[in-house]
């Protein structure tokens, strides 16, 4: 009888351990297995450097926001990829959302547990999307032209005010 109770207790402990394992896995951070070191955006190219403890599969998501922080939902992309150690060699890819010239890109990775296949807590990085130099130069030229027009108008207004004062003092 004592052996039966021991077997029942051992089975119960095993069941509790398995249940706890499946409950706790989603609470573990993905950064235990996948550590993003840097994420940068240069024009249309995304450069991602990461360190991987062991080869893992992970769900990924790219979310884009405009300069005010408003999410551009039609540009969100997601998928699943395998991540292996690359000795700090960057992974390069073309970013989504080519119509967004400046703003932010947030990338998140949720490692799929090797035990249960359930995703762990995501690890995220954010990168700033800087407009290309040619666009900045173009905008700078437009601003300078507008400033020149404003200065010319300001001078013309001063001349007109002077003419009005001259006419009113002559009368």
Protein backbone atom coordinates (compact mmCIF):
# COMPACT_ATOMS: atom_id res chain seq x y z
CA UNK A 1 0.00 0.00 0.00
CA UNK A 2 2.87 2.33 0.87
CA UNK A 3 4.37 1.77 -2.61
CA UNK A 4 1.07 2.73 -4.24
CA UNK A 5 0.93 6.04 -2.33
CA UNK A 6 4.55 6.76 -3.21
CA UNK A 7 3.81 6.14 -6.91
CA UNK A 8 0.70 8.35 -6.75
CA UNK A 9 2.67 11.15 -5.06
CA UNK A 10 5.49 10.89 -7.58
CA UNK A 11 2.99 10.99 -10.44
CA UNK A 12 1.28 14.00 -8.84
CA UNK A 13 4.59 15.82 -8.41
CA UNK A 14 5.49 15.05 -12.00
CA UNK A 15 2.11 16.38 -13.21
CA UNK A 16 2.52 19.55 -11.14
CA UNK A 17 6.05 20.05 -12.50
CA UNK A 18 4.85 19.63 -16.10
CA UNK A 19 1.95 22.06 -15.54
CA UNK A 20 4.28 24.62 -13.93
CA UNK A 21 6.73 24.23 -16.80
CA UNK A 22 4.04 24.99 -19.39
CA UNK A 23 2.69 27.90 -17.33
CA UNK A 24 6.13 29.41 -16.69
CA UNK A 25 7.56 29.13 -20.24
CA UNK A 26 5.69 32.20 -21.63
CA UNK A 27 6.98 34.21 -18.67
CA UNK A 28 10.63 33.58 -19.56
CA UNK A 29 12.25 36.35 -21.62
CA UNK A 30 13.35 35.63 -25.19
CA UNK A 31 16.57 37.44 -24.36
CA UNK A 32 17.76 34.29 -22.56
CA UNK A 33 18.33 32.72 -25.99
CA UNK A 34 18.35 35.66 -28.44
CA UNK A 35 20.13 38.90 -27.50
CA UNK A 36 19.74 41.76 -30.00
CA UNK A 37 22.89 43.87 -29.90
CA UNK A 38 21.96 46.56 -32.42
CA UNK A 39 19.27 47.50 -34.91
CA UNK A 40 19.86 50.34 -37.37
CA UNK A 41 18.08 51.61 -40.46
CA UNK A 42 20.09 53.20 -43.26
CA UNK A 43 17.80 54.28 -46.09
CA UNK A 44 15.92 51.13 -47.08
CA UNK A 45 18.39 48.72 -45.43
CA UNK A 46 17.91 47.31 -41.94
CA UNK A 47 21.05 46.10 -40.16
CA UNK A 48 20.57 43.69 -37.24
CA UNK A 49 23.33 42.29 -35.03
CA UNK A 50 22.44 39.67 -32.43
CA UNK A 51 23.97 37.02 -30.21
CA UNK A 52 22.32 33.61 -29.98
CA UNK A 53 22.88 31.17 -27.12
CA UNK A 54 21.65 28.16 -29.12
CA UNK A 55 19.97 28.05 -32.57
CA UNK A 56 16.29 28.94 -32.08
CA UNK A 57 13.14 29.64 -34.03
CA UNK A 58 11.50 32.95 -33.27
CA UNK A 59 8.43 34.88 -34.34
CA UNK A 60 9.37 38.41 -35.44
CA UNK A 61 7.41 41.59 -36.07
CA UNK A 62 8.34 44.95 -37.61
CA UNK A 63 6.17 47.92 -36.65
CA UNK A 64 6.62 51.35 -38.25
CA UNK A 65 5.65 54.74 -36.80
CA UNK A 66 5.75 58.20 -38.33
CA UNK A 67 7.81 61.00 -36.69
CA UNK A 68 4.89 61.85 -34.38
CA UNK A 69 4.75 58.25 -33.11
CA UNK A 70 1.55 57.35 -34.99
CA UNK A 71 1.65 53.70 -36.05
CA UNK A 72 1.57 53.02 -39.82
CA UNK A 73 -0.47 49.81 -39.59
CA UNK A 74 -0.34 48.91 -43.30
CA UNK A 75 3.44 48.55 -42.99
CA UNK A 76 3.49 46.00 -40.14
CA UNK A 77 5.24 42.77 -41.14
CA UNK A 78 5.67 39.48 -39.24
CA UNK A 79 6.97 35.98 -39.71
CA UNK A 80 8.99 33.11 -38.23
CA UNK A 81 12.71 32.54 -38.85
CA UNK A 82 15.57 30.45 -37.52
CA UNK A 83 18.30 32.36 -35.69
CA UNK A 84 21.82 30.97 -35.42
CA UNK A 85 25.08 32.37 -34.11
CA UNK A 86 26.78 34.61 -36.73
CA UNK A 87 29.79 35.82 -34.71
CA UNK A 88 28.40 39.39 -34.65
CA UNK A 89 28.04 39.45 -38.45
CA UNK A 90 25.03 41.65 -39.25
CA UNK A 91 21.89 40.40 -40.93
CA UNK A 92 20.73 42.82 -43.65
CA UNK A 93 17.27 43.10 -45.19
CA UNK A 94 15.11 45.65 -46.97
CA UNK A 95 12.73 47.35 -44.62
CA UNK A 96 9.02 47.43 -45.21
CA UNK A 97 7.17 50.72 -45.57
CA UNK A 98 9.15 52.44 -48.34
CA UNK A 99 6.68 55.36 -48.28
CA UNK A 100 7.82 56.29 -44.74
CA UNK A 101 10.80 58.62 -45.25
CA UNK A 102 11.39 59.26 -41.55
CA UNK A 103 10.09 57.90 -38.29
CA UNK A 104 10.68 54.81 -36.19
CA UNK A 105 10.92 51.06 -36.68
CA UNK A 106 10.34 48.73 -33.74
CA UNK A 107 11.34 45.09 -34.18
CA UNK A 108 10.37 42.38 -31.68
CA UNK A 109 11.35 38.73 -31.47
CA UNK A 110 9.57 36.01 -29.46
CA UNK A 111 11.68 32.87 -29.24
CA UNK A 112 9.63 29.68 -29.59
CA UNK A 113 10.34 27.39 -26.66
CA UNK A 114 12.34 24.33 -27.72
CA UNK A 115 10.30 22.32 -25.18
CA UNK A 116 6.70 23.38 -25.85
CA UNK A 117 6.86 25.48 -29.02
CA UNK A 118 5.11 28.31 -27.17
CA UNK A 119 6.55 31.83 -27.58
CA UNK A 120 8.57 33.33 -24.76
CA UNK A 121 8.22 37.00 -23.72
CA UNK A 122 9.36 39.18 -26.62
CA UNK A 123 12.57 41.19 -26.77
CA UNK A 124 12.35 44.45 -28.77
CA UNK A 125 14.64 47.10 -30.24
CA UNK A 126 13.80 50.44 -31.86
CA UNK A 127 15.60 52.22 -34.68
CA UNK A 128 15.20 55.74 -36.03
CA UNK A 129 14.48 56.09 -39.74
CA UNK A 130 16.39 59.15 -40.93
CA UNK A 131 15.41 60.73 -44.26
CA UNK A 132 17.98 60.42 -47.03
CA UNK A 133 20.50 63.27 -47.32
CA UNK A 134 19.09 64.27 -50.72
CA UNK A 135 15.65 64.81 -49.18
CA UNK A 136 17.11 66.87 -46.34
CA UNK A 137 19.05 69.00 -48.84
CA UNK A 138 15.92 69.48 -50.95
CA UNK A 139 13.88 70.54 -47.90
CA UNK A 140 16.69 72.83 -46.77
CA UNK A 141 16.74 74.56 -50.19
CA UNK A 142 12.96 75.03 -50.07
CA UNK A 143 13.20 76.57 -46.59
CA UNK A 144 15.97 78.93 -47.71
CA UNK A 145 13.87 80.06 -50.71
CA UNK A 146 10.89 80.68 -48.42
CA UNK A 147 13.08 82.71 -46.06
CA UNK A 148 14.31 84.83 -49.00
CA UNK A 149 10.71 85.48 -50.08
CA UNK A 150 9.77 86.45 -46.51
CA UNK A 151 12.73 88.83 -46.27
CA UNK A 152 11.79 90.46 -49.62
CA UNK A 153 8.18 90.84 -48.49
CA UNK A 154 9.31 92.29 -45.16
CA UNK A 155 11.43 94.91 -46.97
CA UNK A 156 8.53 95.73 -49.29
CA UNK A 157 6.18 96.16 -46.30
CA UNK A 158 8.70 98.50 -44.64
CA UNK A 159 8.93 100.53 -47.85
CA UNK A 160 5.13 100.76 -48.10
CA UNK A 161 4.85 101.80 -44.45
CA UNK A 162 7.45 104.49 -45.09
CA UNK A 163 5.54 105.71 -48.17
CA UNK A 164 2.28 105.87 -46.18
CA UNK A 165 4.01 107.82 -43.41
CA UNK A 166 5.52 110.22 -45.97
CA UNK A 167 2.10 110.80 -47.58
CA UNK A 168 0.37 111.35 -44.25
CA UNK A 169 3.04 113.80 -43.01
CA UNK A 170 2.92 115.75 -46.28
CA UNK A 171 -0.78 116.48 -45.89
